[in-house]
Each structure stands twice: as C-alpha cells, then as structure tokens.
Amino acid sequence: MIRTQIYLTEQQRMELASISKALGKNQSELIREAIDSFIDRASHGRREVVLREAAGIWKNRKDLHDLGGKRNKWDRDHS
C-alpha cells in the first residue's frame, strides 16, 4: 500500500471516528472502502458514456457486410 495524506474537516473526522468505533474497523480501512465505492460508481458511469457514444457508429458504413441479414438467417435456421 502507498501512504497518502488527506485533509478532513472536523465534522468528517468526528463522524469517521464514530463509524470506525461502531463497525470495529480502523479509519484507514473505512476510507479505502469509501474510495473503492467511489471508483466503482465513477467507472460504471464512464462505461455508460462510452457505450452511448459508441452506439450506432457503424450504422451508415457501406463497406461492412449485412450483419442484420446474416443474423436473421441464423435465427431462422436455428429456431
């Protein structure tokens, strides 16, 4: 692990100490869990943006095979 210094408000520090005591976890562990949760939420949001931006990027391409037709044929042959 890498040691990192952060600044907390007095209120944040008191709340963190209270939660730490109630859960029986040290404050560093709680901070790491909170950061992991934040990263998960932010990563999910970035994935959604990328997927939305990528949707339909090939719809007007003329140099690609008719995959929709191939998919329909496959569906008919395998139903």
C-alpha atoms as a PDB file:
ATOM      1  CA  MET A   1       0.000   0.000   0.000  1.00  0.00           C
ATOM      2  CA  ILE A   2       1.007   3.590  -0.533  1.00  0.00           C
ATOM      3  CA  ARG A   3       0.756   6.032   2.327  1.00  0.00           C
ATOM      4  CA  THR A   4      -1.345   9.077   1.421  1.00  0.00           C
ATOM      5  CA  GLN A   5      -2.133  12.136   3.487  1.00  0.00           C
ATOM      6  CA  ILE A   6      -5.593  13.705   3.274  1.00  0.00           C
ATOM      7  CA  TYR A   7      -7.292  16.638   4.952  1.00  0.00           C
ATOM      8  CA  LEU A   8     -10.667  16.149   6.631  1.00  0.00           C
ATOM      9  CA  THR A   9     -12.998  18.670   8.181  1.00  0.00           C
ATOM     10  CA  GLU A  10     -13.503  18.380  11.911  1.00  0.00           C
ATOM     11  CA  GLN A  11     -17.020  17.044  11.275  1.00  0.00           C
ATOM     12  CA  GLN A  12     -15.726  14.401   8.833  1.00  0.00           C
ATOM     13  CA  ARG A  13     -13.067  13.345  11.321  1.00  0.00           C
ATOM     14  CA  MET A  14     -15.595  13.002  14.162  1.00  0.00           C
ATOM     15  CA  GLU A  15     -18.086  11.057  12.021  1.00  0.00           C
ATOM     16  CA  LEU A  16     -15.353   8.782  10.716  1.00  0.00           C
ATOM     17  CA  ALA A  17     -14.150   8.084  14.264  1.00  0.00           C
ATOM     18  CA  SER A  18     -17.702   7.278  15.357  1.00  0.00           C
ATOM     19  CA  ILE A  19     -18.317   4.926  12.412  1.00  0.00           C
ATOM     20  CA  SER A  20     -14.936   3.323  12.953  1.00  0.00           C
ATOM     21  CA  LYS A  21     -15.769   2.564  16.559  1.00  0.00           C
ATOM     22  CA  ALA A  22     -19.266   1.271  15.751  1.00  0.00           C
ATOM     23  CA  LEU A  23     -18.047  -1.060  12.989  1.00  0.00           C
ATOM     24  CA  GLY A  24     -14.836  -2.140  14.690  1.00  0.00           C
ATOM     25  CA  LYS A  25     -12.752  -1.096  11.686  1.00  0.00           C
ATOM     26  CA  ASN A  26      -9.884   1.328  11.574  1.00  0.00           C
ATOM     27  CA  GLN A  27     -10.330   4.660   9.851  1.00  0.00           C
ATOM     28  CA  SER A  28      -7.873   3.871   7.066  1.00  0.00           C
ATOM     29  CA  GLU A  29      -9.892   0.788   6.163  1.00  0.00           C
ATOM     30  CA  LEU A  30     -13.126   2.810   6.037  1.00  0.00           C
ATOM     31  CA  ILE A  31     -11.500   5.442   3.835  1.00  0.00           C
ATOM     32  CA  ARG A  32     -10.204   2.758   1.429  1.00  0.00           C
ATOM     33  CA  GLU A  33     -13.691   1.202   1.264  1.00  0.00           C
ATOM     34  CA  ALA A  34     -15.240   4.608   0.535  1.00  0.00           C
ATOM     35  CA  ILE A  35     -12.692   5.273  -2.213  1.00  0.00           C
ATOM     36  CA  ASP A  36     -13.317   1.824  -3.739  1.00  0.00           C
ATOM     37  CA  SER A  37     -17.053   2.539  -3.766  1.00  0.00           C
ATOM     38  CA  PHE A  38     -16.485   5.920  -5.407  1.00  0.00           C
ATOM     39  CA  ILE A  39     -14.211   4.393  -8.059  1.00  0.00           C
ATOM     40  CA  ASP A  40     -16.786   1.677  -8.826  1.00  0.00           C
ATOM     41  CA  ARG A  41     -19.552   4.260  -9.304  1.00  0.00           C
ATOM     42  CA  ALA A  42     -17.350   6.538 -11.411  1.00  0.00           C
ATOM     43  CA  SER A  43     -16.126   3.631 -13.554  1.00  0.00           C
ATOM     44  CA  HIS A  44     -19.699   2.484 -14.182  1.00  0.00           C
ATOM     45  CA  GLY A  45     -20.627   5.989 -15.281  1.00  0.00           C
ATOM     46  CA  ARG A  46     -17.652   6.182 -17.661  1.00  0.00           C
ATOM     47  CA  ARG A  47     -18.569   2.802 -19.191  1.00  0.00           C
ATOM     48  CA  GLU A  48     -22.123   4.019 -19.830  1.00  0.00           C
ATOM     49  CA  VAL A  49     -20.845   7.172 -21.547  1.00  0.00           C
ATOM     50  CA  VAL A  50     -18.505   5.180 -23.786  1.00  0.00           C
ATOM     51  CA  LEU A  51     -21.257   2.727 -24.720  1.00  0.00           C
ATOM     52  CA  ARG A  52     -23.697   5.544 -25.514  1.00  0.00           C
ATOM     53  CA  GLU A  53     -21.085   7.300 -27.652  1.00  0.00           C
ATOM     54  CA  ALA A  54     -20.282   4.062 -29.497  1.00  0.00           C
ATOM     55  CA  ALA A  55     -23.914   3.162 -30.222  1.00  0.00           C
ATOM     56  CA  GLY A  56     -24.636   3.340 -33.933  1.00  0.00           C
ATOM     57  CA  ILE A  57     -21.140   4.317 -35.049  1.00  0.00           C
ATOM     58  CA  TRP A  58     -21.271   1.777 -37.888  1.00  0.00           C
ATOM     59  CA  LYS A  59     -24.876   2.297 -38.972  1.00  0.00           C
ATOM     60  CA  ASN A  60     -24.045   4.283 -42.129  1.00  0.00           C
ATOM     61  CA  ARG A  61     -20.995   2.272 -43.180  1.00  0.00           C
ATOM     62  CA  LYS A  62     -21.258   0.831 -46.698  1.00  0.00           C
ATOM     63  CA  ASP A  63     -18.085  -1.267 -46.554  1.00  0.00           C
ATOM     64  CA  LEU A  64     -19.401  -3.748 -43.957  1.00  0.00           C
ATOM     65  CA  HIS A  65     -21.327  -6.942 -44.569  1.00  0.00           C
ATOM     66  CA  ASP A  66     -25.069  -7.015 -43.866  1.00  0.00           C
ATOM     67  CA  LEU A  67     -24.811  -8.461 -40.376  1.00  0.00           C
ATOM     68  CA  GLY A  68     -28.510  -7.904 -39.707  1.00  0.00           C
ATOM     69  CA  GLY A  69     -29.415 -10.128 -42.645  1.00  0.00           C
ATOM     70  CA  LYS A  70     -26.937 -12.767 -41.550  1.00  0.00           C
ATOM     71  CA  ARG A  71     -28.343 -12.642 -38.006  1.00  0.00           C
ATOM     72  CA  ASN A  72     -31.918 -13.024 -39.299  1.00  0.00           C
ATOM     73  CA  LYS A  73     -30.880 -16.035 -41.392  1.00  0.00           C
ATOM     74  CA  TRP A  74     -29.076 -17.575 -38.417  1.00  0.00           C
ATOM     75  CA  ASP A  75     -32.161 -17.016 -36.225  1.00  0.00           C
ATOM     76  CA  ARG A  76     -34.407 -18.699 -38.833  1.00  0.00           C
ATOM     77  CA  ASP A  77     -32.007 -21.632 -39.273  1.00  0.00           C
ATOM     78  CA  HIS A  78     -31.635 -22.184 -35.516  1.00  0.00           C
ATOM     79  CA  SER A  79     -35.173 -21.760 -34.251  1.00  0.00           C
END
